[in-house]
Amino acid sequence: MRLLTLIRHAKSSWDNNTELSDFERPLNARGRKDAPEMAERLATELEQPLKLVSSPALRAITTAQAFADALSIAHKDIHREPRIYEATPGTLLEIVRAFDNRHHHVVMFGHNPGFSDFARLLVTDFPTIEMQTCAIATIELGAPSWSFVGLGDGKLRRYRYPKEH
């Protein structure tokens, strides 16, 4: 069994500087609040050991760093995967299938619409809503190896988001 946790980056903003590219957008005040709060809330629920993999876009890597802090994982141990940025579900599946089998639980940080679409393809009963900013979906995969992960193979183990309480 494999566990894949998809975390959409926390809330970001264009307000700080309209000259920034989409890739450079930082978290806004709500994002800077939500990321560590969600990380602390879920630190005890995320099955260890785990590997963190993030889009290198500023808003995603900043979210990943907040989770790394809560999980006592060094920032240098977050793997930056450029293909996650603007990824289609097909690209995300390729990334997942290439994970090292030493890691039974991988946490990915990225973006919509790719993450929501990918989750719906992995889990047939995934909510039809779009993953909100800083939403967390943990998917249990029955595949014996990452390379065998297939569409529709997943079971939703957890779905959390900042405004649920």
N, C-alpha and C. Protein backbone atom coordinates (compact mmCIF):
# COMPACT_ATOMS: atom_id res chain seq x y z
N MET A 1 0.84 -1.19 0.00
CA MET A 1 0.00 0.00 0.00
C MET A 1 0.89 1.25 0.00
N ARG A 2 0.45 2.26 -0.72
CA ARG A 2 1.13 3.55 -0.81
C ARG A 2 0.16 4.63 -0.36
N LEU A 3 0.70 5.69 0.20
CA LEU A 3 -0.09 6.86 0.57
C LEU A 3 0.44 8.06 -0.20
N LEU A 4 -0.48 8.79 -0.81
CA LEU A 4 -0.15 10.02 -1.53
C LEU A 4 -0.99 11.13 -0.92
N THR A 5 -0.32 12.15 -0.40
CA THR A 5 -1.03 13.31 0.13
C THR A 5 -0.79 14.47 -0.82
N LEU A 6 -1.88 15.00 -1.35
CA LEU A 6 -1.83 16.17 -2.23
C LEU A 6 -2.20 17.40 -1.41
N ILE A 7 -1.36 18.42 -1.43
CA ILE A 7 -1.64 19.66 -0.71
C ILE A 7 -1.56 20.81 -1.70
N ARG A 8 -2.69 21.47 -1.86
CA ARG A 8 -2.68 22.66 -2.71
C ARG A 8 -2.04 23.79 -1.92
N HIS A 9 -1.23 24.59 -2.58
CA HIS A 9 -0.55 25.70 -1.90
C HIS A 9 -1.56 26.58 -1.18
N ALA A 10 -1.08 27.26 -0.15
CA ALA A 10 -1.92 28.19 0.60
C ALA A 10 -2.22 29.42 -0.26
N LYS A 11 -3.13 30.25 0.21
CA LYS A 11 -3.62 31.41 -0.52
C LYS A 11 -2.48 32.37 -0.88
N SER A 12 -2.47 32.75 -2.14
CA SER A 12 -1.44 33.68 -2.63
C SER A 12 -2.11 34.94 -3.18
N SER A 13 -1.27 35.88 -3.58
CA SER A 13 -1.81 37.16 -4.01
C SER A 13 -0.95 37.80 -5.09
N TRP A 14 -1.62 38.58 -5.92
CA TRP A 14 -0.93 39.42 -6.91
C TRP A 14 -0.71 40.81 -6.35
N ASP A 15 -1.31 41.12 -5.20
CA ASP A 15 -1.35 42.49 -4.68
C ASP A 15 0.01 43.10 -4.37
N ASN A 16 0.96 42.30 -3.93
CA ASN A 16 2.25 42.86 -3.50
C ASN A 16 3.02 43.51 -4.63
N ASN A 17 2.95 42.92 -5.82
CA ASN A 17 3.73 43.45 -6.93
C ASN A 17 3.16 42.91 -8.23
N THR A 18 2.56 43.77 -9.01
CA THR A 18 1.94 43.32 -10.25
C THR A 18 2.97 42.95 -11.31
N GLU A 19 4.25 43.24 -11.06
CA GLU A 19 5.31 42.88 -12.00
C GLU A 19 5.81 41.45 -11.80
N LEU A 20 5.38 40.80 -10.73
CA LEU A 20 5.81 39.43 -10.48
C LEU A 20 5.16 38.47 -11.47
N SER A 21 5.88 37.45 -11.84
CA SER A 21 5.29 36.39 -12.67
C SER A 21 4.41 35.51 -11.79
N ASP A 22 3.57 34.70 -12.41
CA ASP A 22 2.74 33.76 -11.66
C ASP A 22 3.62 32.86 -10.79
N PHE A 23 4.75 32.43 -11.31
CA PHE A 23 5.67 31.54 -10.61
C PHE A 23 6.20 32.18 -9.33
N GLU A 24 6.34 33.50 -9.32
CA GLU A 24 6.94 34.22 -8.19
C GLU A 24 5.93 34.71 -7.16
N ARG A 25 4.64 34.43 -7.37
CA ARG A 25 3.63 34.94 -6.43
C ARG A 25 3.84 34.41 -5.02
N PRO A 26 3.89 35.30 -4.03
CA PRO A 26 4.06 34.87 -2.64
C PRO A 26 2.70 34.55 -2.00
N LEU A 27 2.76 33.95 -0.82
CA LEU A 27 1.55 33.77 -0.04
C LEU A 27 1.08 35.13 0.46
N ASN A 28 -0.23 35.30 0.57
CA ASN A 28 -0.76 36.52 1.17
C ASN A 28 -0.89 36.29 2.68
N ALA A 29 -1.46 37.24 3.39
CA ALA A 29 -1.55 37.15 4.85
C ALA A 29 -2.33 35.90 5.27
N ARG A 30 -3.43 35.62 4.61
CA ARG A 30 -4.22 34.43 4.95
C ARG A 30 -3.41 33.16 4.68
N GLY A 31 -2.68 33.12 3.59
CA GLY A 31 -1.85 31.96 3.28
C GLY A 31 -0.75 31.75 4.29
N ARG A 32 -0.13 32.85 4.73
CA ARG A 32 0.93 32.75 5.73
C ARG A 32 0.39 32.28 7.08
N LYS A 33 -0.90 32.51 7.31
CA LYS A 33 -1.56 32.04 8.54
C LYS A 33 -2.02 30.58 8.37
N ASP A 34 -2.65 30.27 7.24
CA ASP A 34 -3.23 28.94 7.03
C ASP A 34 -2.20 27.83 6.92
N ALA A 35 -1.10 28.07 6.22
CA ALA A 35 -0.12 26.99 5.98
C ALA A 35 0.42 26.41 7.29
N PRO A 36 0.94 27.23 8.21
CA PRO A 36 1.44 26.63 9.45
C PRO A 36 0.33 26.04 10.33
N GLU A 37 -0.86 26.67 10.30
CA GLU A 37 -1.96 26.12 11.09
C GLU A 37 -2.38 24.74 10.58
N MET A 38 -2.51 24.60 9.26
CA MET A 38 -2.87 23.30 8.68
C MET A 38 -1.76 22.28 8.93
N ALA A 39 -0.53 22.72 8.84
CA ALA A 39 0.60 21.82 9.08
C ALA A 39 0.58 21.31 10.51
N GLU A 40 0.37 22.19 11.47
CA GLU A 40 0.31 21.78 12.87
C GLU A 40 -0.88 20.86 13.13
N ARG A 41 -2.00 21.19 12.52
CA ARG A 41 -3.21 20.39 12.73
C ARG A 41 -3.02 18.97 12.21
N LEU A 42 -2.29 18.84 11.12
CA LEU A 42 -2.16 17.51 10.51
C LEU A 42 -0.85 16.80 10.80
N ALA A 43 0.06 17.45 11.51
CA ALA A 43 1.36 16.83 11.78
C ALA A 43 1.21 15.48 12.47
N THR A 44 0.26 15.36 13.36
CA THR A 44 0.09 14.09 14.07
C THR A 44 -0.70 13.07 13.25
N GLU A 45 -1.38 13.51 12.21
CA GLU A 45 -2.19 12.59 11.39
C GLU A 45 -1.43 12.03 10.19
N LEU A 46 -0.41 12.74 9.73
CA LEU A 46 0.31 12.30 8.54
C LEU A 46 1.22 11.13 8.89
N GLU A 47 0.98 10.02 8.24
CA GLU A 47 1.71 8.80 8.52
C GLU A 47 3.18 8.97 8.17
N GLN A 48 4.06 8.64 9.10
CA GLN A 48 5.50 8.75 8.91
C GLN A 48 6.06 7.39 8.54
N PRO A 49 7.22 7.27 7.95
CA PRO A 49 7.99 8.38 7.42
C PRO A 49 7.40 8.84 6.09
N LEU A 50 7.76 10.02 5.70
CA LEU A 50 7.23 10.54 4.44
C LEU A 50 8.26 11.37 3.71
N LYS A 51 7.99 11.55 2.44
CA LYS A 51 8.85 12.34 1.55
C LYS A 51 8.05 13.54 1.08
N LEU A 52 8.65 14.73 1.10
CA LEU A 52 7.99 15.94 0.63
C LEU A 52 8.51 16.29 -0.76
N VAL A 53 7.57 16.52 -1.69
CA VAL A 53 7.89 16.87 -3.07
C VAL A 53 7.05 18.09 -3.42
N SER A 54 7.68 19.15 -3.93
CA SER A 54 6.95 20.39 -4.18
C SER A 54 7.25 20.98 -5.55
N SER A 55 6.24 21.65 -6.06
CA SER A 55 6.47 22.57 -7.16
C SER A 55 7.45 23.63 -6.66
N PRO A 56 8.35 24.09 -7.51
CA PRO A 56 9.28 25.13 -7.07
C PRO A 56 8.68 26.54 -7.07
N ALA A 57 7.43 26.70 -7.51
CA ALA A 57 6.80 28.02 -7.47
C ALA A 57 6.78 28.53 -6.03
N LEU A 58 7.02 29.81 -5.83
CA LEU A 58 7.19 30.37 -4.49
C LEU A 58 6.05 30.01 -3.54
N ARG A 59 4.80 30.14 -3.98
CA ARG A 59 3.67 29.87 -3.09
C ARG A 59 3.60 28.40 -2.67
N ALA A 60 4.02 27.48 -3.55
CA ALA A 60 4.00 26.05 -3.22
C ALA A 60 5.16 25.69 -2.30
N ILE A 61 6.35 26.15 -2.61
CA ILE A 61 7.51 25.80 -1.79
C ILE A 61 7.40 26.43 -0.40
N THR A 62 6.81 27.61 -0.30
CA THR A 62 6.60 28.24 1.01
C THR A 62 5.62 27.41 1.84
N THR A 63 4.58 26.91 1.20
CA THR A 63 3.62 26.04 1.89
C THR A 63 4.33 24.76 2.33
N ALA A 64 5.13 24.17 1.46
CA ALA A 64 5.86 22.94 1.79
C ALA A 64 6.80 23.19 2.98
N GLN A 65 7.43 24.34 3.03
CA GLN A 65 8.34 24.65 4.13
C GLN A 65 7.60 24.76 5.46
N ALA A 66 6.38 25.28 5.44
CA ALA A 66 5.59 25.34 6.68
C ALA A 66 5.28 23.93 7.18
N PHE A 67 4.97 23.02 6.26
CA PHE A 67 4.71 21.64 6.66
C PHE A 67 6.00 20.97 7.12
N ALA A 68 7.09 21.23 6.44
CA ALA A 68 8.38 20.66 6.85
C ALA A 68 8.72 21.09 8.29
N ASP A 69 8.49 22.35 8.60
CA ASP A 69 8.76 22.85 9.95
C ASP A 69 7.93 22.08 10.98
N ALA A 70 6.65 21.89 10.71
CA ALA A 70 5.76 21.19 11.65
C ALA A 70 6.13 19.71 11.78
N LEU A 71 6.72 19.14 10.73
CA LEU A 71 7.06 17.72 10.72
C LEU A 71 8.54 17.47 11.07
N SER A 72 9.25 18.53 11.44
CA SER A 72 10.68 18.44 11.76
C SER A 72 11.50 17.86 10.61
N ILE A 73 11.19 18.33 9.41
CA ILE A 73 11.93 17.94 8.21
C ILE A 73 12.70 19.17 7.72
N ALA A 74 13.96 19.00 7.42
CA ALA A 74 14.79 20.11 6.96
C ALA A 74 14.31 20.61 5.60
N HIS A 75 14.33 21.91 5.39
CA HIS A 75 13.91 22.49 4.11
C HIS A 75 14.73 21.91 2.95
N LYS A 76 15.99 21.63 3.18
CA LYS A 76 16.84 21.08 2.12
C LYS A 76 16.38 19.69 1.68
N ASP A 77 15.57 19.02 2.51
CA ASP A 77 15.09 17.68 2.17
C ASP A 77 13.79 17.69 1.37
N ILE A 78 13.26 18.88 1.08
CA ILE A 78 12.08 18.98 0.22
C ILE A 78 12.57 18.86 -1.22
N HIS A 79 12.08 17.87 -1.93
CA HIS A 79 12.47 17.71 -3.34
C HIS A 79 11.65 18.67 -4.18
N ARG A 80 12.31 19.49 -4.96
CA ARG A 80 11.62 20.43 -5.86
C ARG A 80 11.48 19.76 -7.22
N GLU A 81 10.23 19.60 -7.64
CA GLU A 81 9.94 18.94 -8.91
C GLU A 81 9.31 19.97 -9.85
N PRO A 82 10.07 20.50 -10.82
CA PRO A 82 9.58 21.55 -11.71
C PRO A 82 8.34 21.14 -12.52
N ARG A 83 8.19 19.87 -12.81
CA ARG A 83 7.05 19.44 -13.63
C ARG A 83 5.71 19.58 -12.92
N ILE A 84 5.70 19.76 -11.60
CA ILE A 84 4.43 19.93 -10.88
C ILE A 84 3.78 21.26 -11.23
N TYR A 85 4.59 22.29 -11.48
CA TYR A 85 4.05 23.60 -11.83
C TYR A 85 3.32 23.50 -13.16
N GLU A 86 2.05 23.88 -13.16
CA GLU A 86 1.17 23.84 -14.34
C GLU A 86 0.98 22.44 -14.90
N ALA A 87 1.11 21.41 -14.05
CA ALA A 87 1.01 20.02 -14.51
C ALA A 87 -0.43 19.62 -14.80
N THR A 88 -0.56 18.79 -15.81
CA THR A 88 -1.82 18.13 -16.12
C THR A 88 -1.90 16.86 -15.26
N PRO A 89 -3.07 16.26 -15.14
CA PRO A 89 -3.16 14.99 -14.41
C PRO A 89 -2.23 13.92 -14.98
N GLY A 90 -2.04 13.89 -16.30
CA GLY A 90 -1.14 12.92 -16.90
C GLY A 90 0.30 13.10 -16.45
N THR A 91 0.73 14.34 -16.38
CA THR A 91 2.08 14.63 -15.90
C THR A 91 2.23 14.26 -14.44
N LEU A 92 1.21 14.58 -13.63
CA LEU A 92 1.26 14.23 -12.21
C LEU A 92 1.34 12.71 -12.03
N LEU A 93 0.61 11.96 -12.85
CA LEU A 93 0.69 10.50 -12.77
C LEU A 93 2.10 10.02 -13.12
N GLU A 94 2.71 10.60 -14.13
CA GLU A 94 4.09 10.24 -14.48
C GLU A 94 5.05 10.50 -13.31
N ILE A 95 4.87 11.64 -12.66
CA ILE A 95 5.71 11.99 -11.52
C ILE A 95 5.54 10.96 -10.40
N VAL A 96 4.28 10.64 -10.08
CA VAL A 96 3.99 9.68 -9.02
C VAL A 96 4.57 8.30 -9.36
N ARG A 97 4.39 7.87 -10.58
CA ARG A 97 4.89 6.54 -10.98
C ARG A 97 6.42 6.44 -10.91
N ALA A 98 7.10 7.57 -10.86
CA ALA A 98 8.57 7.56 -10.80
C ALA A 98 9.10 7.67 -9.36
N PHE A 99 8.21 7.78 -8.36
CA PHE A 99 8.66 7.88 -6.98
C PHE A 99 9.45 6.64 -6.59
N ASP A 100 10.41 6.84 -5.70
CA ASP A 100 11.24 5.77 -5.17
C ASP A 100 10.39 4.92 -4.23
N ASN A 101 10.42 3.61 -4.41
CA ASN A 101 9.61 2.71 -3.58
C ASN A 101 10.03 2.66 -2.12
N ARG A 102 11.18 3.24 -1.79
CA ARG A 102 11.56 3.33 -0.38
C ARG A 102 10.60 4.23 0.39
N HIS A 103 9.92 5.12 -0.32
CA HIS A 103 9.00 6.05 0.32
C HIS A 103 7.57 5.53 0.18
N HIS A 104 6.99 5.14 1.30
CA HIS A 104 5.62 4.61 1.26
C HIS A 104 4.58 5.73 1.33
N HIS A 105 4.98 6.88 1.81
CA HIS A 105 4.07 8.03 1.90
C HIS A 105 4.78 9.25 1.32
N VAL A 106 4.21 9.80 0.25
CA VAL A 106 4.77 10.99 -0.39
C VAL A 106 3.74 12.12 -0.28
N VAL A 107 4.20 13.29 0.11
CA VAL A 107 3.36 14.48 0.21
C VAL A 107 3.79 15.42 -0.91
N MET A 108 2.84 15.76 -1.79
CA MET A 108 3.12 16.65 -2.92
C MET A 108 2.43 17.99 -2.71
N PHE A 109 3.14 19.06 -3.02
CA PHE A 109 2.60 20.42 -2.91
C PHE A 109 2.52 21.00 -4.31
N GLY A 110 1.34 21.50 -4.69
CA GLY A 110 1.19 22.01 -6.04
C GLY A 110 -0.03 22.88 -6.21
N HIS A 111 -0.61 22.78 -7.39
CA HIS A 111 -1.54 23.79 -7.88
C HIS A 111 -2.81 23.18 -8.48
N ASN A 112 -3.80 24.03 -8.59
CA ASN A 112 -5.01 23.71 -9.35
C ASN A 112 -4.89 24.35 -10.72
N PRO A 113 -5.59 23.82 -11.70
CA PRO A 113 -6.59 22.75 -11.62
C PRO A 113 -5.99 21.35 -11.59
N GLY A 114 -4.70 21.20 -11.80
CA GLY A 114 -4.09 19.88 -11.90
C GLY A 114 -4.32 18.98 -10.71
N PHE A 115 -4.15 19.51 -9.49
CA PHE A 115 -4.31 18.65 -8.31
C PHE A 115 -5.74 18.15 -8.15
N SER A 116 -6.72 19.03 -8.31
CA SER A 116 -8.12 18.60 -8.18
C SER A 116 -8.48 17.57 -9.24
N ASP A 117 -8.08 17.82 -10.47
CA ASP A 117 -8.37 16.88 -11.57
C ASP A 117 -7.68 15.54 -11.32
N PHE A 118 -6.44 15.58 -10.87
CA PHE A 118 -5.69 14.35 -10.60
C PHE A 118 -6.34 13.55 -9.47
N ALA A 119 -6.73 14.23 -8.40
CA ALA A 119 -7.38 13.55 -7.27
C ALA A 119 -8.67 12.87 -7.73
N ARG A 120 -9.44 13.54 -8.56
CA ARG A 120 -10.70 12.94 -9.05
C ARG A 120 -10.45 11.73 -9.95
N LEU A 121 -9.31 11.70 -10.63
CA LEU A 121 -8.97 10.54 -11.47
C LEU A 121 -8.45 9.37 -10.63
N LEU A 122 -7.78 9.67 -9.53
CA LEU A 122 -7.27 8.61 -8.66
C LEU A 122 -8.36 8.00 -7.80
N VAL A 123 -9.28 8.86 -7.33
CA VAL A 123 -10.32 8.44 -6.38
C VAL A 123 -11.68 8.66 -7.03
N THR A 124 -12.40 7.59 -7.28
CA THR A 124 -13.68 7.72 -7.98
C THR A 124 -14.73 8.46 -7.15
N ASP A 125 -14.62 8.43 -5.81
CA ASP A 125 -15.61 9.14 -4.99
C ASP A 125 -15.06 10.44 -4.42
N PHE A 126 -14.03 11.01 -5.06
CA PHE A 126 -13.48 12.28 -4.60
C PHE A 126 -14.55 13.36 -4.80
N PRO A 127 -14.67 14.29 -3.85
CA PRO A 127 -15.67 15.36 -4.01
C PRO A 127 -15.49 16.11 -5.33
N THR A 128 -16.58 16.52 -5.92
CA THR A 128 -16.51 17.21 -7.21
C THR A 128 -16.04 18.65 -7.09
N ILE A 129 -15.86 19.10 -5.87
CA ILE A 129 -15.38 20.47 -5.66
C ILE A 129 -13.91 20.59 -6.04
N GLU A 130 -13.48 21.81 -6.30
CA GLU A 130 -12.06 22.08 -6.51
C GLU A 130 -11.39 22.11 -5.14
N MET A 131 -10.18 21.58 -5.06
CA MET A 131 -9.44 21.67 -3.80
C MET A 131 -9.21 23.14 -3.49
N GLN A 132 -9.60 23.55 -2.30
CA GLN A 132 -9.40 24.92 -1.87
C GLN A 132 -7.92 25.16 -1.59
N THR A 133 -7.54 26.43 -1.44
CA THR A 133 -6.16 26.71 -1.08
C THR A 133 -5.85 26.08 0.27
N CYS A 134 -4.70 25.45 0.35
CA CYS A 134 -4.20 24.74 1.53
C CYS A 134 -5.04 23.51 1.90
N ALA A 135 -5.83 23.02 0.94
CA ALA A 135 -6.58 21.78 1.16
C ALA A 135 -5.62 20.60 1.10
N ILE A 136 -5.96 19.56 1.85
CA ILE A 136 -5.11 18.38 1.97
C ILE A 136 -5.95 17.15 1.68
N ALA A 137 -5.52 16.35 0.72
CA ALA A 137 -6.20 15.09 0.39
C ALA A 137 -5.18 13.96 0.49
N THR A 138 -5.42 13.03 1.41
CA THR A 138 -4.57 11.85 1.51
C THR A 138 -5.29 10.69 0.86
N ILE A 139 -4.60 10.07 -0.08
CA ILE A 139 -5.19 9.00 -0.89
C ILE A 139 -4.41 7.71 -0.64
N GLU A 140 -5.14 6.67 -0.28
CA GLU A 140 -4.55 5.35 -0.09
C GLU A 140 -4.57 4.64 -1.44
N LEU A 141 -3.42 4.17 -1.85
CA LEU A 141 -3.28 3.50 -3.14
C LEU A 141 -2.92 2.03 -2.90
N GLY A 142 -3.63 1.13 -3.53
CA GLY A 142 -3.40 -0.29 -3.33
C GLY A 142 -2.21 -0.84 -4.08
N ALA A 143 -1.59 -0.02 -4.90
CA ALA A 143 -0.47 -0.49 -5.73
C ALA A 143 0.71 -0.94 -4.86
N PRO A 144 1.34 -2.05 -5.22
CA PRO A 144 2.50 -2.52 -4.47
C PRO A 144 3.75 -1.67 -4.75
N SER A 145 3.71 -0.91 -5.82
CA SER A 145 4.83 -0.09 -6.25
C SER A 145 4.26 1.19 -6.85
N TRP A 146 5.00 2.29 -6.70
CA TRP A 146 4.55 3.55 -7.30
C TRP A 146 4.34 3.39 -8.81
N SER A 147 5.16 2.60 -9.44
CA SER A 147 5.08 2.46 -10.90
C SER A 147 3.78 1.81 -11.36
N PHE A 148 3.05 1.17 -10.44
CA PHE A 148 1.79 0.51 -10.79
C PHE A 148 0.56 1.34 -10.42
N VAL A 149 0.74 2.55 -9.92
CA VAL A 149 -0.41 3.39 -9.56
C VAL A 149 -1.24 3.63 -10.82
N GLY A 150 -2.54 3.39 -10.69
CA GLY A 150 -3.43 3.57 -11.83
C GLY A 150 -4.61 4.46 -11.48
N LEU A 151 -5.27 4.94 -12.49
CA LEU A 151 -6.45 5.79 -12.29
C LEU A 151 -7.57 4.95 -11.68
N GLY A 152 -8.28 5.54 -10.74
CA GLY A 152 -9.38 4.85 -10.07
C GLY A 152 -8.94 3.89 -8.99
N ASP A 153 -7.64 3.79 -8.72
CA ASP A 153 -7.12 2.84 -7.73
C ASP A 153 -7.17 3.38 -6.30
N GLY A 154 -7.44 4.65 -6.13
CA GLY A 154 -7.29 5.27 -4.82
C GLY A 154 -8.55 5.27 -3.98
N LYS A 155 -8.31 5.37 -2.68
CA LYS A 155 -9.38 5.51 -1.70
C LYS A 155 -9.06 6.75 -0.87
N LEU A 156 -9.99 7.66 -0.76
CA LEU A 156 -9.76 8.90 -0.01
C LEU A 156 -9.73 8.58 1.48
N ARG A 157 -8.60 8.83 2.09
CA ARG A 157 -8.43 8.58 3.52
C ARG A 157 -8.73 9.83 4.33
N ARG A 158 -8.38 11.01 3.79
CA ARG A 158 -8.59 12.25 4.53
C ARG A 158 -8.72 13.40 3.55
N TYR A 159 -9.63 14.32 3.87
CA TYR A 159 -9.72 15.59 3.12
C TYR A 159 -9.93 16.69 4.15
N ARG A 160 -8.99 17.60 4.21
CA ARG A 160 -9.04 18.71 5.18
C ARG A 160 -8.79 20.02 4.44
N TYR A 161 -9.33 21.09 5.00
CA TYR A 161 -9.12 22.42 4.43
C TYR A 161 -9.26 23.44 5.55
N PRO A 162 -8.68 24.62 5.38
CA PRO A 162 -8.62 25.59 6.49
C PRO A 162 -9.97 25.99 7.10
N LYS A 163 -10.98 26.14 6.29
CA LYS A 163 -12.26 26.67 6.82
C LYS A 163 -13.24 25.57 7.24
N GLU A 164 -12.78 24.32 7.41
CA GLU A 164 -13.72 23.24 7.74
C GLU A 164 -14.24 23.32 9.16
N HIS A 165 -13.52 24.01 10.05
CA HIS A 165 -13.95 24.07 11.47
C HIS A 165 -14.51 25.41 11.80
